Amino acid sequence: MDAASVFAALNVIGLFVFAVSGALTALRNDLDIFGVAMIAFVTGVGGGTIRDVMLGSFPVWWVKDPVAIVICLAGAAAATVAQPIFASRLKALIWADAMGLSVFAVLGAQAALAASAPAIIAVFMGAVTATFGGVVRDVLLNEPPLILKQDIYATAALAGAGVYVGLAALGIAPGAAAVGAALATFAIRGAAILFNIPSPKFGGRR
């Protein structure tokens, strides 16, 4: 599979699982069908939209590729139909969010590199792409954003984007670098979820 196919597949996966996480959050808040679809959509495309605005890339990516809307709606529908089988919608959305985070950290970094951004900006844009869809979701639903909680979240996105940028700099094939970096991101975030690993912080005055 060539690099373009790998990135296209990752984009579909990321959109779908982020839409699922958005829809599950909306369902936990008892939104109607329109609200569920809207939250799923903004969760899926929000981070990439903010990235494109910051990079000055217009129109933003999903305007040029409206199939993203269909994928987000499919994620919303899947979450709505499947919600009765989840023992905990909160746990399901956390793991769906972890998958989306892992994929979009890589895609965000790749998009920034393709726009000729410096490596450090590419790492930052990877984190923005991976986290800000969830931030928009949580703000709209008046929930504490995951990015502000003490477990490893944004740190995992930064690490995954950094892995991708590093592998790309070493000349690793883009498709292999993307898959490897996404798996590394998911491993970090997954470990934080399973073992309740807190994000590093500096001590302060009490």
C-alpha atoms as a PDB file:
ATOM      1  CA  MET A   1       0.000   0.000   0.000  1.00  0.00           C
ATOM      2  CA  ASP A   2       1.448   3.368  -0.995  1.00  0.00           C
ATOM      3  CA  ALA A   3       1.735   6.357   1.325  1.00  0.00           C
ATOM      4  CA  ALA A   4      -1.299   8.154  -0.103  1.00  0.00           C
ATOM      5  CA  SER A   5      -3.489   5.115   0.566  1.00  0.00           C
ATOM      6  CA  VAL A   6      -2.140   4.807   4.121  1.00  0.00           C
ATOM      7  CA  PHE A   7      -2.882   8.455   4.894  1.00  0.00           C
ATOM      8  CA  ALA A   8      -6.337   8.201   3.308  1.00  0.00           C
ATOM      9  CA  ALA A   9      -7.139   5.116   5.395  1.00  0.00           C
ATOM     10  CA  LEU A  10      -5.876   6.765   8.576  1.00  0.00           C
ATOM     11  CA  ASN A  11      -8.000   9.814   7.842  1.00  0.00           C
ATOM     12  CA  VAL A  12     -11.144   7.708   7.493  1.00  0.00           C
ATOM     13  CA  ILE A  13     -10.349   5.828  10.710  1.00  0.00           C
ATOM     14  CA  GLY A  14      -9.596   9.006  12.620  1.00  0.00           C
ATOM     15  CA  LEU A  15     -12.729  10.781  11.440  1.00  0.00           C
ATOM     16  CA  PHE A  16     -14.940   7.814  12.217  1.00  0.00           C
ATOM     17  CA  VAL A  17     -13.667   7.129  15.730  1.00  0.00           C
ATOM     18  CA  PHE A  18     -13.579  10.811  16.683  1.00  0.00           C
ATOM     19  CA  ALA A  19     -17.160  11.126  15.418  1.00  0.00           C
ATOM     20  CA  VAL A  20     -18.065   8.109  17.545  1.00  0.00           C
ATOM     21  CA  SER A  21     -16.504   9.732  20.604  1.00  0.00           C
ATOM     22  CA  GLY A  22     -18.373  12.960  19.910  1.00  0.00           C
ATOM     23  CA  ALA A  23     -21.663  11.163  19.415  1.00  0.00           C
ATOM     24  CA  LEU A  24     -21.246   9.129  22.603  1.00  0.00           C
ATOM     25  CA  THR A  25     -20.551  12.305  24.549  1.00  0.00           C
ATOM     26  CA  ALA A  26     -23.670  13.887  23.061  1.00  0.00           C
ATOM     27  CA  LEU A  27     -25.736  10.819  23.884  1.00  0.00           C
ATOM     28  CA  ARG A  28     -24.520  10.932  27.482  1.00  0.00           C
ATOM     29  CA  ASN A  29     -25.896  14.469  27.584  1.00  0.00           C
ATOM     30  CA  ASP A  30     -29.261  13.395  26.114  1.00  0.00           C
ATOM     31  CA  LEU A  31     -29.010  15.490  22.939  1.00  0.00           C
ATOM     32  CA  ASP A  32     -31.454  14.940  20.118  1.00  0.00           C
ATOM     33  CA  ILE A  33     -30.504  13.421  16.768  1.00  0.00           C
ATOM     34  CA  PHE A  34     -29.411  16.753  15.277  1.00  0.00           C
ATOM     35  CA  GLY A  35     -27.284  17.534  18.326  1.00  0.00           C
ATOM     36  CA  VAL A  36     -25.629  14.125  18.196  1.00  0.00           C
ATOM     37  CA  ALA A  37     -24.798  14.559  14.499  1.00  0.00           C
ATOM     38  CA  MET A  38     -23.464  18.085  15.006  1.00  0.00           C
ATOM     39  CA  ILE A  39     -21.240  17.157  17.948  1.00  0.00           C
ATOM     40  CA  ALA A  40     -19.932  14.138  16.027  1.00  0.00           C
ATOM     41  CA  PHE A  41     -19.081  16.382  13.087  1.00  0.00           C
ATOM     42  CA  VAL A  42     -17.281  19.103  15.023  1.00  0.00           C
ATOM     43  CA  THR A  43     -15.325  16.484  16.965  1.00  0.00           C
ATOM     44  CA  GLY A  44     -14.200  14.848  13.741  1.00  0.00           C
ATOM     45  CA  VAL A  45     -13.182  17.948  11.798  1.00  0.00           C
ATOM     46  CA  GLY A  46     -12.503  20.503  14.536  1.00  0.00           C
ATOM     47  CA  GLY A  47      -8.806  19.887  15.093  1.00  0.00           C
ATOM     48  CA  GLY A  48      -7.952  19.792  11.404  1.00  0.00           C
ATOM     49  CA  THR A  49      -9.966  22.952  10.801  1.00  0.00           C
ATOM     50  CA  ILE A  50      -8.036  24.876  13.460  1.00  0.00           C
ATOM     51  CA  ARG A  51      -4.763  23.505  12.045  1.00  0.00           C
ATOM     52  CA  ASP A  52      -5.588  24.682   8.542  1.00  0.00           C
ATOM     53  CA  VAL A  53      -6.577  28.129   9.784  1.00  0.00           C
ATOM     54  CA  MET A  54      -3.296  28.429  11.682  1.00  0.00           C
ATOM     55  CA  LEU A  55      -1.317  27.279   8.640  1.00  0.00           C
ATOM     56  CA  GLY A  56      -3.266  29.614   6.324  1.00  0.00           C
ATOM     57  CA  SER A  57      -4.535  26.699   4.240  1.00  0.00           C
ATOM     58  CA  PHE A  58      -7.875  27.680   2.665  1.00  0.00           C
ATOM     59  CA  PRO A  59     -10.433  26.394   2.082  1.00  0.00           C
ATOM     60  CA  VAL A  60     -10.026  24.104   5.080  1.00  0.00           C
ATOM     61  CA  TRP A  61      -9.552  20.446   4.314  1.00  0.00           C
ATOM     62  CA  TRP A  62     -13.089  19.118   4.721  1.00  0.00           C
ATOM     63  CA  VAL A  63     -14.532  21.797   2.425  1.00  0.00           C
ATOM     64  CA  LYS A  64     -12.325  20.350  -0.305  1.00  0.00           C
ATOM     65  CA  ASP A  65     -13.216  16.784   0.729  1.00  0.00           C
ATOM     66  CA  PRO A  66     -16.897  16.782   1.776  1.00  0.00           C
ATOM     67  CA  VAL A  67     -16.920  12.994   2.129  1.00  0.00           C
ATOM     68  CA  ALA A  68     -15.648  13.820   5.634  1.00  0.00           C
ATOM     69  CA  ILE A  69     -19.197  14.895   6.482  1.00  0.00           C
ATOM     70  CA  VAL A  70     -20.544  11.495   5.424  1.00  0.00           C
ATOM     71  CA  ILE A  71     -17.926   9.671   7.504  1.00  0.00           C
ATOM     72  CA  CYS A  72     -18.759  11.749  10.583  1.00  0.00           C
ATOM     73  CA  LEU A  73     -22.475  11.094  10.142  1.00  0.00           C
ATOM     74  CA  ALA A  74     -21.731   7.375   9.777  1.00  0.00           C
ATOM     75  CA  GLY A  75     -19.792   7.498  13.044  1.00  0.00           C
ATOM     76  CA  ALA A  76     -22.690   9.248  14.751  1.00  0.00           C
ATOM     77  CA  ALA A  77     -25.140   6.641  13.445  1.00  0.00           C
ATOM     78  CA  ALA A  78     -22.884   3.755  14.493  1.00  0.00           C
ATOM     79  CA  ALA A  79     -22.490   5.158  18.005  1.00  0.00           C
ATOM     80  CA  THR A  80     -26.240   5.669  18.344  1.00  0.00           C
ATOM     81  CA  VAL A  81     -27.071   2.136  17.212  1.00  0.00           C
ATOM     82  CA  ALA A  82     -24.278   0.474  19.207  1.00  0.00           C
ATOM     83  CA  GLN A  83     -24.626   2.386  22.472  1.00  0.00           C
ATOM     84  CA  PRO A  84     -26.807  -0.285  24.164  1.00  0.00           C
ATOM     85  CA  ILE A  85     -23.947  -2.826  23.934  1.00  0.00           C
ATOM     86  CA  PHE A  86     -21.485  -0.617  25.794  1.00  0.00           C
ATOM     87  CA  ALA A  87     -21.255  -1.322  29.513  1.00  0.00           C
ATOM     88  CA  SER A  88     -20.040   2.235  29.917  1.00  0.00           C
ATOM     89  CA  ARG A  89     -20.437   4.931  27.293  1.00  0.00           C
ATOM     90  CA  LEU A  90     -17.763   6.943  29.096  1.00  0.00           C
ATOM     91  CA  LYS A  91     -15.170   4.166  28.724  1.00  0.00           C
ATOM     92  CA  ALA A  92     -16.150   3.613  25.100  1.00  0.00           C
ATOM     93  CA  LEU A  93     -15.778   7.281  24.202  1.00  0.00           C
ATOM     94  CA  ILE A  94     -12.425   7.516  26.028  1.00  0.00           C
ATOM     95  CA  TRP A  95     -11.025   4.651  23.944  1.00  0.00           C
ATOM     96  CA  ALA A  96     -12.560   5.985  20.713  1.00  0.00           C
ATOM     97  CA  ASP A  97     -11.014   9.342  21.545  1.00  0.00           C
ATOM     98  CA  ALA A  98      -7.646   7.643  22.117  1.00  0.00           C
ATOM     99  CA  MET A  99      -7.778   6.090  18.650  1.00  0.00           C
ATOM    100  CA  GLY A 100      -8.681   9.404  17.042  1.00  0.00           C
ATOM    101  CA  LEU A 101      -5.943  11.165  18.982  1.00  0.00           C
ATOM    102  CA  SER A 102      -3.362   8.654  17.743  1.00  0.00           C
ATOM    103  CA  VAL A 103      -4.311   8.991  14.087  1.00  0.00           C
ATOM    104  CA  PHE A 104      -4.756  12.748  13.947  1.00  0.00           C
ATOM    105  CA  ALA A 105      -1.487  13.463  15.759  1.00  0.00           C
ATOM    106  CA  VAL A 106       0.249  11.875  12.777  1.00  0.00           C
ATOM    107  CA  LEU A 107      -2.012  13.372  10.106  1.00  0.00           C
ATOM    108  CA  GLY A 108      -1.642  16.839  11.603  1.00  0.00           C
ATOM    109  CA  ALA A 109       2.132  16.603  11.590  1.00  0.00           C
ATOM    110  CA  GLN A 110       2.116  15.277   8.031  1.00  0.00           C
ATOM    111  CA  ALA A 111      -0.137  18.108   6.840  1.00  0.00           C
ATOM    112  CA  ALA A 112       2.166  20.690   8.400  1.00  0.00           C
ATOM    113  CA  LEU A 113       5.254  19.149   6.815  1.00  0.00           C
ATOM    114  CA  ALA A 114       3.455  19.090   3.462  1.00  0.00           C
ATOM    115  CA  ALA A 115       2.832  22.827   3.953  1.00  0.00           C
ATOM    116  CA  SER A 116       6.617  23.303   4.405  1.00  0.00           C
ATOM    117  CA  ALA A 117       6.314  24.087   8.106  1.00  0.00           C
ATOM    118  CA  PRO A 118       9.428  23.581  10.286  1.00  0.00           C
ATOM    119  CA  ALA A 119       9.673  20.347  12.236  1.00  0.00           C
ATOM    120  CA  ILE A 120       8.797  21.906  15.602  1.00  0.00           C
ATOM    121  CA  ILE A 121       5.687  23.523  14.094  1.00  0.00           C
ATOM    122  CA  ALA A 122       4.720  20.178  12.567  1.00  0.00           C
ATOM    123  CA  VAL A 123       4.873  18.549  16.010  1.00  0.00           C
ATOM    124  CA  PHE A 124       2.734  21.327  17.475  1.00  0.00           C
ATOM    125  CA  MET A 125       0.216  21.079  14.632  1.00  0.00           C
ATOM    126  CA  GLY A 126      -0.001  17.342  15.203  1.00  0.00           C
ATOM    127  CA  ALA A 127      -1.057  18.000  18.785  1.00  0.00           C
ATOM    128  CA  VAL A 128      -3.511  20.723  17.717  1.00  0.00           C
ATOM    129  CA  THR A 129      -5.123  18.436  15.141  1.00  0.00           C
ATOM    130  CA  ALA A 130      -5.364  15.575  17.620  1.00  0.00           C
ATOM    131  CA  THR A 131      -6.766  17.472  20.592  1.00  0.00           C
ATOM    132  CA  PHE A 132      -8.809  20.485  19.540  1.00  0.00           C
ATOM    133  CA  GLY A 133     -11.743  18.573  18.068  1.00  0.00           C
ATOM    134  CA  GLY A 134     -12.218  17.063  21.508  1.00  0.00           C
ATOM    135  CA  VAL A 135     -11.811  20.471  23.135  1.00  0.00           C
ATOM    136  CA  VAL A 136     -14.572  21.932  20.961  1.00  0.00           C
ATOM    137  CA  ARG A 137     -16.785  18.916  21.747  1.00  0.00           C
ATOM    138  CA  ASP A 138     -16.302  19.238  25.491  1.00  0.00           C
ATOM    139  CA  VAL A 139     -16.728  23.019  25.548  1.00  0.00           C
ATOM    140  CA  LEU A 140     -19.982  22.809  23.584  1.00  0.00           C
ATOM    141  CA  LEU A 141     -21.287  20.211  26.029  1.00  0.00           C
ATOM    142  CA  ASN A 142     -19.997  22.048  29.108  1.00  0.00           C
ATOM    143  CA  GLU A 143     -17.736  19.174  30.142  1.00  0.00           C
ATOM    144  CA  PRO A 144     -14.152  19.435  31.446  1.00  0.00           C
ATOM    145  CA  PRO A 145     -11.895  19.058  28.363  1.00  0.00           C
ATOM    146  CA  LEU A 146      -9.755  15.923  28.428  1.00  0.00           C
ATOM    147  CA  ILE A 147      -6.759  18.049  27.459  1.00  0.00           C
ATOM    148  CA  LEU A 148      -6.976  19.855  30.812  1.00  0.00           C
ATOM    149  CA  LYS A 149      -7.147  16.734  32.958  1.00  0.00           C
ATOM    150  CA  GLN A 150      -4.065  15.375  34.669  1.00  0.00           C
ATOM    151  CA  ASP A 151      -3.657  12.126  32.740  1.00  0.00           C
ATOM    152  CA  ILE A 152      -1.437  11.943  29.674  1.00  0.00           C
ATOM    153  CA  TYR A 153      -3.378  13.287  26.686  1.00  0.00           C
ATOM    154  CA  ALA A 154      -1.818  16.206  24.843  1.00  0.00           C
ATOM    155  CA  THR A 155       1.569  14.791  25.845  1.00  0.00           C
ATOM    156  CA  ALA A 156       0.754  11.591  23.944  1.00  0.00           C
ATOM    157  CA  ALA A 157      -0.209  13.603  20.862  1.00  0.00           C
ATOM    158  CA  LEU A 158       2.998  15.630  21.023  1.00  0.00           C
ATOM    159  CA  ALA A 159       5.034  12.451  21.424  1.00  0.00           C
ATOM    160  CA  GLY A 160       3.324  10.733  18.499  1.00  0.00           C
ATOM    161  CA  ALA A 161       3.726  13.734  16.230  1.00  0.00           C
ATOM    162  CA  GLY A 162       7.361  13.937  17.284  1.00  0.00           C
ATOM    163  CA  VAL A 163       7.881  10.268  16.438  1.00  0.00           C
ATOM    164  CA  TYR A 164       6.415  10.811  12.975  1.00  0.00           C
ATOM    165  CA  VAL A 165       8.504  13.907  12.281  1.00  0.00           C
ATOM    166  CA  GLY A 166      11.616  12.104  13.548  1.00  0.00           C
ATOM    167  CA  LEU A 167      11.001   9.028  11.418  1.00  0.00           C
ATOM    168  CA  ALA A 168      10.325  11.196   8.382  1.00  0.00           C
ATOM    169  CA  ALA A 169      13.604  13.039   8.984  1.00  0.00           C
ATOM    170  CA  LEU A 170      15.406   9.703   9.076  1.00  0.00           C
ATOM    171  CA  GLY A 171      14.027   8.858   5.640  1.00  0.00           C
ATOM    172  CA  ILE A 172      11.608   6.155   6.760  1.00  0.00           C
ATOM    173  CA  ALA A 173       8.860   5.515   4.197  1.00  0.00           C
ATOM    174  CA  PRO A 174       5.956   7.880   4.966  1.00  0.00           C
ATOM    175  CA  GLY A 175       3.350   5.129   5.216  1.00  0.00           C
ATOM    176  CA  ALA A 176       5.427   3.037   7.604  1.00  0.00           C
ATOM    177  CA  ALA A 177       6.351   6.118   9.635  1.00  0.00           C
ATOM    178  CA  ALA A 178       2.688   7.096   9.931  1.00  0.00           C
ATOM    179  CA  VAL A 179       1.542   3.671  11.117  1.00  0.00           C
ATOM    180  CA  GLY A 180       4.447   3.348  13.545  1.00  0.00           C
ATOM    181  CA  ALA A 181       3.871   6.804  15.021  1.00  0.00           C
ATOM    182  CA  ALA A 182       0.121   6.235  15.361  1.00  0.00           C
ATOM    183  CA  LEU A 183       0.734   2.956  17.194  1.00  0.00           C
ATOM    184  CA  ALA A 184       3.262   4.652  19.480  1.00  0.00           C
ATOM    185  CA  THR A 185       0.741   7.390  20.289  1.00  0.00           C
ATOM    186  CA  PHE A 186      -1.984   4.866  21.037  1.00  0.00           C
ATOM    187  CA  ALA A 187       0.367   2.863  23.252  1.00  0.00           C
ATOM    188  CA  ILE A 188       1.204   5.959  25.306  1.00  0.00           C
ATOM    189  CA  ARG A 189      -2.391   7.096  25.622  1.00  0.00           C
ATOM    190  CA  GLY A 190      -3.623   3.552  26.255  1.00  0.00           C
ATOM    191  CA  ALA A 191      -1.112   3.036  29.051  1.00  0.00           C
ATOM    192  CA  ALA A 192      -2.211   6.309  30.630  1.00  0.00           C
ATOM    193  CA  ILE A 193      -5.843   5.162  30.549  1.00  0.00           C
ATOM    194  CA  LEU A 194      -5.200   1.644  31.849  1.00  0.00           C
ATOM    195  CA  PHE A 195      -2.743   2.558  34.587  1.00  0.00           C
ATOM    196  CA  ASN A 196      -4.018   6.058  35.393  1.00  0.00           C
ATOM    197  CA  ILE A 197      -0.616   7.594  34.659  1.00  0.00           C
ATOM    198  CA  PRO A 198      -0.640  11.336  35.412  1.00  0.00           C
ATOM    199  CA  SER A 199       0.889  13.921  33.119  1.00  0.00           C
ATOM    200  CA  PRO A 200       4.186  15.348  34.372  1.00  0.00           C
ATOM    201  CA  LYS A 201       3.754  18.604  36.268  1.00  0.00           C
ATOM    202  CA  PHE A 202       5.830  21.015  38.250  1.00  0.00           C
ATOM    203  CA  GLY A 203       5.264  21.401  41.951  1.00  0.00           C
ATOM    204  CA  GLY A 204       3.890  24.687  43.136  1.00  0.00           C
ATOM    205  CA  ARG A 205       3.007  26.505  46.298  1.00  0.00           C
ATOM    206  CA  ARG A 206       0.047  25.213  48.267  1.00  0.00           C
END
